[in-house]
Amino acid sequence: MLLNIFWGILGLYVLLSLLILPMQYRFLIALKKEEAQNKAKGKTHGKMYDNMRAGELVLHENIQGNPVFFLANFLASIIYRIKH
């Protein structure tokens, strides 16, 4: 019984991650593009975050740091590295 519950929860987590994956991938592309633009301007990675508004920082932290999105972030990173 407990094993069925575990597999059900794991299945829902994987399904949620696959649904979120396109959004995470687009976010990752936008973030890399912004990093490249700032690098061309001579700004460091830290300066980029220092210049962000508070709302953008909270959004970035939630998208990248939330453990619920770990699998989607991981898969988006792999897809990004393969494509680029």
PDB file of N, CA and C in Angstrom:
ATOM      1  N   MET A   1       0.823  -1.197   0.000  1.00  0.00           N
ATOM      2  CA  MET A   1       0.000   0.000   0.000  1.00  0.00           C
ATOM      3  C   MET A   1       0.870   1.265   0.000  1.00  0.00           C
ATOM      4  N   LEU A   2       1.850   1.287   0.905  1.00  0.00           N
ATOM      5  CA  LEU A   2       2.736   2.452   0.967  1.00  0.00           C
ATOM      6  C   LEU A   2       3.557   2.598  -0.308  1.00  0.00           C
ATOM      7  N   LEU A   3       3.924   1.463  -0.879  1.00  0.00           N
ATOM      8  CA  LEU A   3       4.698   1.503  -2.115  1.00  0.00           C
ATOM      9  C   LEU A   3       3.876   2.104  -3.250  1.00  0.00           C
ATOM     10  N   ASN A   4       2.599   1.795  -3.303  1.00  0.00           N
ATOM     11  CA  ASN A   4       1.724   2.370  -4.327  1.00  0.00           C
ATOM     12  C   ASN A   4       1.587   3.880  -4.152  1.00  0.00           C
ATOM     13  N   ILE A   5       1.491   4.327  -2.917  1.00  0.00           N
ATOM     14  CA  ILE A   5       1.406   5.764  -2.642  1.00  0.00           C
ATOM     15  C   ILE A   5       2.697   6.452  -3.070  1.00  0.00           C
ATOM     16  N   PHE A   6       3.825   5.831  -2.737  1.00  0.00           N
ATOM     17  CA  PHE A   6       5.125   6.383  -3.125  1.00  0.00           C
ATOM     18  C   PHE A   6       5.224   6.525  -4.639  1.00  0.00           C
ATOM     19  N   TRP A   7       4.869   5.464  -5.378  1.00  0.00           N
ATOM     20  CA  TRP A   7       4.944   5.513  -6.838  1.00  0.00           C
ATOM     21  C   TRP A   7       3.968   6.527  -7.416  1.00  0.00           C
ATOM     22  N   GLY A   8       2.814   6.677  -6.781  1.00  0.00           N
ATOM     23  CA  GLY A   8       1.847   7.676  -7.229  1.00  0.00           C
ATOM     24  C   GLY A   8       2.376   9.087  -7.068  1.00  0.00           C
ATOM     25  N   ILE A   9       2.966   9.358  -5.909  1.00  0.00           N
ATOM     26  CA  ILE A   9       3.542  10.686  -5.651  1.00  0.00           C
ATOM     27  C   ILE A   9       4.718  10.943  -6.592  1.00  0.00           C
ATOM     28  N   LEU A  10       5.558   9.940  -6.776  1.00  0.00           N
ATOM     29  CA  LEU A  10       6.697  10.081  -7.684  1.00  0.00           C
ATOM     30  C   LEU A  10       6.223  10.322  -9.117  1.00  0.00           C
ATOM     31  N   GLY A  11       5.194   9.620  -9.530  1.00  0.00           N
ATOM     32  CA  GLY A  11       4.639   9.814 -10.869  1.00  0.00           C
ATOM     33  C   GLY A  11       4.080  11.214 -11.057  1.00  0.00           C
ATOM     34  N   LEU A  12       3.386  11.728 -10.042  1.00  0.00           N
ATOM     35  CA  LEU A  12       2.860  13.096 -10.111  1.00  0.00           C
ATOM     36  C   LEU A  12       3.993  14.118 -10.182  1.00  0.00           C
ATOM     37  N   TYR A  13       5.065  13.865  -9.426  1.00  0.00           N
ATOM     38  CA  TYR A  13       6.213  14.771  -9.442  1.00  0.00           C
ATOM     39  C   TYR A  13       6.859  14.808 -10.829  1.00  0.00           C
ATOM     40  N   VAL A  14       7.025  13.642 -11.434  1.00  0.00           N
ATOM     41  CA  VAL A  14       7.618  13.578 -12.774  1.00  0.00           C
ATOM     42  C   VAL A  14       6.698  14.258 -13.786  1.00  0.00           C
ATOM     43  N   LEU A  15       5.396  14.019 -13.686  1.00  0.00           N
ATOM     44  CA  LEU A  15       4.440  14.656 -14.589  1.00  0.00           C
ATOM     45  C   LEU A  15       4.469  16.175 -14.436  1.00  0.00           C
ATOM     46  N   LEU A  16       4.488  16.654 -13.190  1.00  0.00           N
ATOM     47  CA  LEU A  16       4.577  18.093 -12.938  1.00  0.00           C
ATOM     48  C   LEU A  16       5.862  18.666 -13.527  1.00  0.00           C
ATOM     49  N   SER A  17       6.961  17.948 -13.349  1.00  0.00           N
ATOM     50  CA  SER A  17       8.242  18.414 -13.881  1.00  0.00           C
ATOM     51  C   SER A  17       8.219  18.493 -15.400  1.00  0.00           C
ATOM     52  N   LEU A  18       7.593  17.521 -16.044  1.00  0.00           N
ATOM     53  CA  LEU A  18       7.510  17.542 -17.508  1.00  0.00           C
ATOM     54  C   LEU A  18       6.611  18.666 -18.004  1.00  0.00           C
ATOM     55  N   LEU A  19       5.573  18.995 -17.235  1.00  0.00           N
ATOM     56  CA  LEU A  19       4.704  20.105 -17.617  1.00  0.00           C
ATOM     57  C   LEU A  19       5.400  21.455 -17.448  1.00  0.00           C
ATOM     58  N   ILE A  20       6.247  21.559 -16.443  1.00  0.00           N
ATOM     59  CA  ILE A  20       6.954  22.806 -16.150  1.00  0.00           C
ATOM     60  C   ILE A  20       8.195  22.970 -17.031  1.00  0.00           C
ATOM     61  N   LEU A  21       8.690  21.886 -17.581  1.00  0.00           N
ATOM     62  CA  LEU A  21       9.940  21.891 -18.342  1.00  0.00           C
ATOM     63  C   LEU A  21      10.007  22.958 -19.439  1.00  0.00           C
ATOM     64  N   PRO A  22       8.998  23.141 -20.290  1.00  0.00           N
ATOM     65  CA  PRO A  22       9.113  24.188 -21.327  1.00  0.00           C
ATOM     66  C   PRO A  22       9.285  25.594 -20.747  1.00  0.00           C
ATOM     67  N   MET A  23       8.609  25.874 -19.640  1.00  0.00           N
ATOM     68  CA  MET A  23       8.747  27.198 -19.013  1.00  0.00           C
ATOM     69  C   MET A  23      10.141  27.375 -18.429  1.00  0.00           C
ATOM     70  N   GLN A  24      10.657  26.328 -17.793  1.00  0.00           N
ATOM     71  CA  GLN A  24      11.993  26.404 -17.215  1.00  0.00           C
ATOM     72  C   GLN A  24      13.042  26.576 -18.313  1.00  0.00           C
ATOM     73  N   TYR A  25      12.839  25.897 -19.432  1.00  0.00           N
ATOM     74  CA  TYR A  25      13.782  26.006 -20.544  1.00  0.00           C
ATOM     75  C   TYR A  25      13.784  27.424 -21.110  1.00  0.00           C
ATOM     76  N   ARG A  26      12.602  28.003 -21.304  1.00  0.00           N
ATOM     77  CA  ARG A  26      12.526  29.385 -21.806  1.00  0.00           C
ATOM     78  C   ARG A  26      13.164  30.359 -20.822  1.00  0.00           C
ATOM     79  N   PHE A  27      12.949  30.127 -19.523  1.00  0.00           N
ATOM     80  CA  PHE A  27      13.559  30.987 -18.508  1.00  0.00           C
ATOM     81  C   PHE A  27      15.079  30.876 -18.572  1.00  0.00           C
ATOM     82  N   LEU A  28      15.583  29.669 -18.737  1.00  0.00           N
ATOM     83  CA  LEU A  28      17.022  29.455 -18.808  1.00  0.00           C
ATOM     84  C   LEU A  28      17.624  30.138 -20.033  1.00  0.00           C
ATOM     85  N   ILE A  29      16.941  30.064 -21.162  1.00  0.00           N
ATOM     86  CA  ILE A  29      17.415  30.737 -22.377  1.00  0.00           C
ATOM     87  C   ILE A  29      17.463  32.249 -22.160  1.00  0.00           C
ATOM     88  N   ALA A  30      16.407  32.801 -21.572  1.00  0.00           N
ATOM     89  CA  ALA A  30      16.368  34.246 -21.319  1.00  0.00           C
ATOM     90  C   ALA A  30      17.466  34.661 -20.347  1.00  0.00           C
ATOM     91  N   LEU A  31      17.706  33.842 -19.332  1.00  0.00           N
ATOM     92  CA  LEU A  31      18.744  34.151 -18.350  1.00  0.00           C
ATOM     93  C   LEU A  31      20.126  34.120 -18.993  1.00  0.00           C
ATOM     94  N   LYS A  32      20.393  33.118 -19.811  1.00  0.00           N
ATOM     95  CA  LYS A  32      21.691  33.030 -20.492  1.00  0.00           C
ATOM     96  C   LYS A  32      21.883  34.198 -21.461  1.00  0.00           C
ATOM     97  N   LYS A  33      20.804  34.600 -22.132  1.00  0.00           N
ATOM     98  CA  LYS A  33      20.877  35.735 -23.049  1.00  0.00           C
ATOM     99  C   LYS A  33      21.201  37.017 -22.285  1.00  0.00           C
ATOM    100  N   GLU A  34      20.549  37.202 -21.140  1.00  0.00           N
ATOM    101  CA  GLU A  34      20.813  38.386 -20.320  1.00  0.00           C
ATOM    102  C   GLU A  34      22.241  38.369 -19.784  1.00  0.00           C
ATOM    103  N   GLU A  35      22.723  37.190 -19.385  1.00  0.00           N
ATOM    104  CA  GLU A  35      24.102  37.080 -18.916  1.00  0.00           C
ATOM    105  C   GLU A  35      25.088  37.440 -20.028  1.00  0.00           C
ATOM    106  N   ALA A  36      24.813  36.990 -21.248  1.00  0.00           N
ATOM    107  CA  ALA A  36      25.698  37.302 -22.376  1.00  0.00           C
ATOM    108  C   ALA A  36      25.703  38.799 -22.670  1.00  0.00           C
ATOM    109  N   GLN A  37      24.538  39.437 -22.595  1.00  0.00           N
ATOM    110  CA  GLN A  37      24.465  40.880 -22.830  1.00  0.00           C
ATOM    111  C   GLN A  37      25.243  41.635 -21.762  1.00  0.00           C
ATOM    112  N   ASN A  38      25.103  41.225 -20.514  1.00  0.00           N
ATOM    113  CA  ASN A  38      25.829  41.893 -19.437  1.00  0.00           C
ATOM    114  C   ASN A  38      27.328  41.640 -19.536  1.00  0.00           C
ATOM    115  N   LYS A  39      27.698  40.442 -19.974  1.00  0.00           N
ATOM    116  CA  LYS A  39      29.116  40.144 -20.137  1.00  0.00           C
ATOM    117  C   LYS A  39      29.718  41.014 -21.241  1.00  0.00           C
ATOM    118  N   ALA A  40      28.942  41.249 -22.307  1.00  0.00           N
ATOM    119  CA  ALA A  40      29.410  42.110 -23.399  1.00  0.00           C
ATOM    120  C   ALA A  40      29.580  43.551 -22.929  1.00  0.00           C
ATOM    121  N   LYS A  41      28.768  43.962 -21.960  1.00  0.00           N
ATOM    122  CA  LYS A  41      28.871  45.316 -21.401  1.00  0.00           C
ATOM    123  C   LYS A  41      29.973  45.415 -20.357  1.00  0.00           C
ATOM    124  N   GLY A  42      30.553  44.277 -19.979  1.00  0.00           N
ATOM    125  CA  GLY A  42      31.614  44.270 -18.987  1.00  0.00           C
ATOM    126  C   GLY A  42      31.128  44.089 -17.564  1.00  0.00           C
ATOM    127  N   LYS A  43      29.853  43.766 -17.394  1.00  0.00           N
ATOM    128  CA  LYS A  43      29.315  43.556 -16.050  1.00  0.00           C
ATOM    129  C   LYS A  43      29.563  42.117 -15.614  1.00  0.00           C
ATOM    130  N   THR A  44      29.822  41.947 -14.336  1.00  0.00           N
ATOM    131  CA  THR A  44      30.018  40.609 -13.801  1.00  0.00           C
ATOM    132  C   THR A  44      28.667  39.973 -13.486  1.00  0.00           C
ATOM    133  N   HIS A  45      28.725  38.686 -13.186  1.00  0.00           N
ATOM    134  CA  HIS A  45      27.510  37.947 -12.844  1.00  0.00           C
ATOM    135  C   HIS A  45      26.862  38.538 -11.589  1.00  0.00           C
ATOM    136  N   GLY A  46      27.673  38.891 -10.622  1.00  0.00           N
ATOM    137  CA  GLY A  46      27.155  39.483  -9.389  1.00  0.00           C
ATOM    138  C   GLY A  46      26.513  40.838  -9.612  1.00  0.00           C
ATOM    139  N   LYS A  47      27.115  41.644 -10.479  1.00  0.00           N
ATOM    140  CA  LYS A  47      26.540  42.959 -10.787  1.00  0.00           C
ATOM    141  C   LYS A  47      25.178  42.825 -11.454  1.00  0.00           C
ATOM    142  N   MET A  48      25.029  41.776 -12.265  1.00  0.00           N
ATOM    143  CA  MET A  48      23.745  41.558 -12.925  1.00  0.00           C
ATOM    144  C   MET A  48      22.645  41.377 -11.878  1.00  0.00           C
ATOM    145  N   TYR A  49      22.943  40.588 -10.856  1.00  0.00           N
ATOM    146  CA  TYR A  49      21.943  40.364  -9.812  1.00  0.00           C
ATOM    147  C   TYR A  49      21.774  41.588  -8.920  1.00  0.00           C
ATOM    148  N   ASP A  50      22.840  42.348  -8.732  1.00  0.00           N
ATOM    149  CA  ASP A  50      22.726  43.578  -7.942  1.00  0.00           C
ATOM    150  C   ASP A  50      21.826  44.600  -8.625  1.00  0.00           C
ATOM    151  N   ASN A  51      21.819  44.616  -9.942  1.00  0.00           N
ATOM    152  CA  ASN A  51      21.019  45.582 -10.690  1.00  0.00           C
ATOM    153  C   ASN A  51      19.580  45.133 -10.921  1.00  0.00           C
ATOM    154  N   MET A  52      19.254  43.889 -10.561  1.00  0.00           N
ATOM    155  CA  MET A  52      17.877  43.403 -10.739  1.00  0.00           C
ATOM    156  C   MET A  52      16.954  44.034  -9.709  1.00  0.00           C
ATOM    157  N   ARG A  53      15.695  44.193 -10.118  1.00  0.00           N
ATOM    158  CA  ARG A  53      14.689  44.671  -9.169  1.00  0.00           C
ATOM    159  C   ARG A  53      14.367  43.549  -8.188  1.00  0.00           C
ATOM    160  N   ALA A  54      13.775  43.920  -7.067  1.00  0.00           N
ATOM    161  CA  ALA A  54      13.477  42.941  -6.019  1.00  0.00           C
ATOM    162  C   ALA A  54      12.536  41.855  -6.521  1.00  0.00           C
ATOM    163  N   GLY A  55      11.546  42.226  -7.306  1.00  0.00           N
ATOM    164  CA  GLY A  55      10.600  41.242  -7.830  1.00  0.00           C
ATOM    165  C   GLY A  55      11.270  40.225  -8.734  1.00  0.00           C
ATOM    166  N   GLU A  56      12.207  40.689  -9.557  1.00  0.00           N
ATOM    167  CA  GLU A  56      12.936  39.779 -10.438  1.00  0.00           C
ATOM    168  C   GLU A  56      13.817  38.835  -9.635  1.00  0.00           C
ATOM    169  N   LEU A  57      14.422  39.353  -8.575  1.00  0.00           N
ATOM    170  CA  LEU A  57      15.262  38.503  -7.733  1.00  0.00           C
ATOM    171  C   LEU A  57      14.448  37.410  -7.053  1.00  0.00           C
ATOM    172  N   VAL A  58      13.276  37.779  -6.544  1.00  0.00           N
ATOM    173  CA  VAL A  58      12.416  36.795  -5.879  1.00  0.00           C
ATOM    174  C   VAL A  58      11.951  35.747  -6.883  1.00  0.00           C
ATOM    175  N   LEU A  59      11.565  36.190  -8.073  1.00  0.00           N
ATOM    176  CA  LEU A  59      11.139  35.259  -9.112  1.00  0.00           C
ATOM    177  C   LEU A  59      12.274  34.314  -9.484  1.00  0.00           C
ATOM    178  N   HIS A  60      13.458  34.859  -9.675  1.00  0.00           N
ATOM    179  CA  HIS A  60      14.608  34.033 -10.036  1.00  0.00           C
ATOM    180  C   HIS A  60      14.915  33.022  -8.935  1.00  0.00           C
ATOM    181  N   GLU A  61      14.901  33.475  -7.693  1.00  0.00           N
ATOM    182  CA  GLU A  61      15.187  32.570  -6.582  1.00  0.00           C
ATOM    183  C   GLU A  61      14.149  31.459  -6.499  1.00  0.00           C
ATOM    184  N   ASN A  62      12.883  31.803  -6.698  1.00  0.00           N
ATOM    185  CA  ASN A  62      11.826  30.799  -6.616  1.00  0.00           C
ATOM    186  C   ASN A  62      11.921  29.798  -7.761  1.00  0.00           C
ATOM    187  N   ILE A  63      12.196  30.283  -8.953  1.00  0.00           N
ATOM    188  CA  ILE A  63      12.266  29.385 -10.108  1.00  0.00           C
ATOM    189  C   ILE A  63      13.491  28.481 -10.026  1.00  0.00           C
ATOM    190  N   GLN A  64      14.622  29.019  -9.636  1.00  0.00           N
ATOM    191  CA  GLN A  64      15.849  28.232  -9.635  1.00  0.00           C
ATOM    192  C   GLN A  64      16.109  27.495  -8.321  1.00  0.00           C
ATOM    193  N   GLY A  65      15.574  27.986  -7.215  1.00  0.00           N
ATOM    194  CA  GLY A  65      15.920  27.404  -5.933  1.00  0.00           C
ATOM    195  C   GLY A  65      14.870  26.524  -5.303  1.00  0.00           C
ATOM    196  N   ASN A  66      13.678  26.483  -5.864  1.00  0.00           N
ATOM    197  CA  ASN A  66      12.597  25.700  -5.285  1.00  0.00           C
ATOM    198  C   ASN A  66      12.838  24.217  -5.545  1.00  0.00           C
ATOM    199  N   PRO A  67      12.858  23.389  -4.497  1.00  0.00           N
ATOM    200  CA  PRO A  67      13.120  21.960  -4.698  1.00  0.00           C
ATOM    201  C   PRO A  67      12.048  21.251  -5.530  1.00  0.00           C
ATOM    202  N   VAL A  68      10.854  21.808  -5.594  1.00  0.00           N
ATOM    203  CA  VAL A  68       9.797  21.208  -6.411  1.00  0.00           C
ATOM    204  C   VAL A  68      10.192  21.243  -7.883  1.00  0.00           C
ATOM    205  N   PHE A  69      10.954  22.252  -8.280  1.00  0.00           N
ATOM    206  CA  PHE A  69      11.339  22.422  -9.677  1.00  0.00           C
ATOM    207  C   PHE A  69      12.695  21.799 -10.005  1.00  0.00           C
ATOM    208  N   PHE A  70      13.278  21.033  -9.086  1.00  0.00           N
ATOM    209  CA  PHE A  70      14.629  20.506  -9.294  1.00  0.00           C
ATOM    210  C   PHE A  70      14.727  19.668 -10.568  1.00  0.00           C
ATOM    211  N   LEU A  71      13.824  18.722 -10.743  1.00  0.00           N
ATOM    212  CA  LEU A  71      13.890  17.847 -11.917  1.00  0.00           C
ATOM    213  C   LEU A  71      13.696  18.643 -13.202  1.00  0.00           C
ATOM    214  N   ALA A  72      12.760  19.570 -13.214  1.00  0.00           N
ATOM    215  CA  ALA A  72      12.536  20.395 -14.404  1.00  0.00           C
ATOM    216  C   ALA A  72      13.765  21.261 -14.701  1.00  0.00           C
ATOM    217  N   ASN A  73      14.385  21.827 -13.665  1.00  0.00           N
ATOM    218  CA  ASN A  73      15.602  22.627 -13.861  1.00  0.00           C
ATOM    219  C   ASN A  73      16.729  21.768 -14.419  1.00  0.00           C
ATOM    220  N   PHE A  74      16.876  20.587 -13.860  1.00  0.00           N
ATOM    221  CA  PHE A  74      17.931  19.673 -14.288  1.00  0.00           C
ATOM    222  C   PHE A  74      17.745  19.277 -15.751  1.00  0.00           C
ATOM    223  N   LEU A  75      16.526  18.905 -16.115  1.00  0.00           N
ATOM    224  CA  LEU A  75      16.246  18.517 -17.496  1.00  0.00           C
ATOM    225  C   LEU A  75      16.407  19.699 -18.452  1.00  0.00           C
ATOM    226  N   ALA A  76      15.972  20.887 -18.034  1.00  0.00           N
ATOM    227  CA  ALA A  76      16.128  22.077 -18.876  1.00  0.00           C
ATOM    228  C   ALA A  76      17.608  22.383 -19.101  1.00  0.00           C
ATOM    229  N   SER A  77      18.427  22.211 -18.077  1.00  0.00           N
ATOM    230  CA  SER A  77      19.868  22.442 -18.217  1.00  0.00           C
ATOM    231  C   SER A  77      20.491  21.454 -19.191  1.00  0.00           C
ATOM    232  N   ILE A  78      20.078  20.202 -19.101  1.00  0.00           N
ATOM    233  CA  ILE A  78      20.608  19.186 -20.017  1.00  0.00           C
ATOM    234  C   ILE A  78      20.208  19.504 -21.452  1.00  0.00           C
ATOM    235  N   ILE A  79      18.945  19.837 -21.663  1.00  0.00           N
ATOM    236  CA  ILE A  79      18.471  20.165 -23.013  1.00  0.00           C
ATOM    237  C   ILE A  79      19.200  21.394 -23.545  1.00  0.00           C
ATOM    238  N   TYR A  80      19.412  22.396 -22.690  1.00  0.00           N
ATOM    239  CA  TYR A  80      20.119  23.607 -23.119  1.00  0.00           C
ATOM    240  C   TYR A  80      21.551  23.276 -23.546  1.00  0.00           C
ATOM    241  N   ARG A  81      22.227  22.450 -22.763  1.00  0.00           N
ATOM    242  CA  ARG A  81      23.614  22.098 -23.100  1.00  0.00           C
ATOM    243  C   ARG A  81      23.696  21.292 -24.386  1.00  0.00           C
ATOM    244  N   ILE A  82      22.708  20.448 -24.630  1.00  0.00           N
ATOM    245  CA  ILE A  82      22.703  19.663 -25.865  1.00  0.00           C
ATOM    246  C   ILE A  82      22.457  20.566 -27.071  1.00  0.00           C
ATOM    247  N   LYS A  83      21.510  21.492 -26.948  1.00  0.00           N
ATOM    248  CA  LYS A  83      21.157  22.356 -28.079  1.00  0.00           C
ATOM    249  C   LYS A  83      22.165  23.468 -28.320  1.00  0.00           C
ATOM    250  N   HIS A  84      22.871  23.896 -27.282  1.00  0.00           N
ATOM    251  CA  HIS A  84      23.797  25.018 -27.440  1.00  0.00           C
ATOM    252  C   HIS A  84      25.200  24.511 -27.179  1.00  0.00           C
TER     253      HIS A  84
END
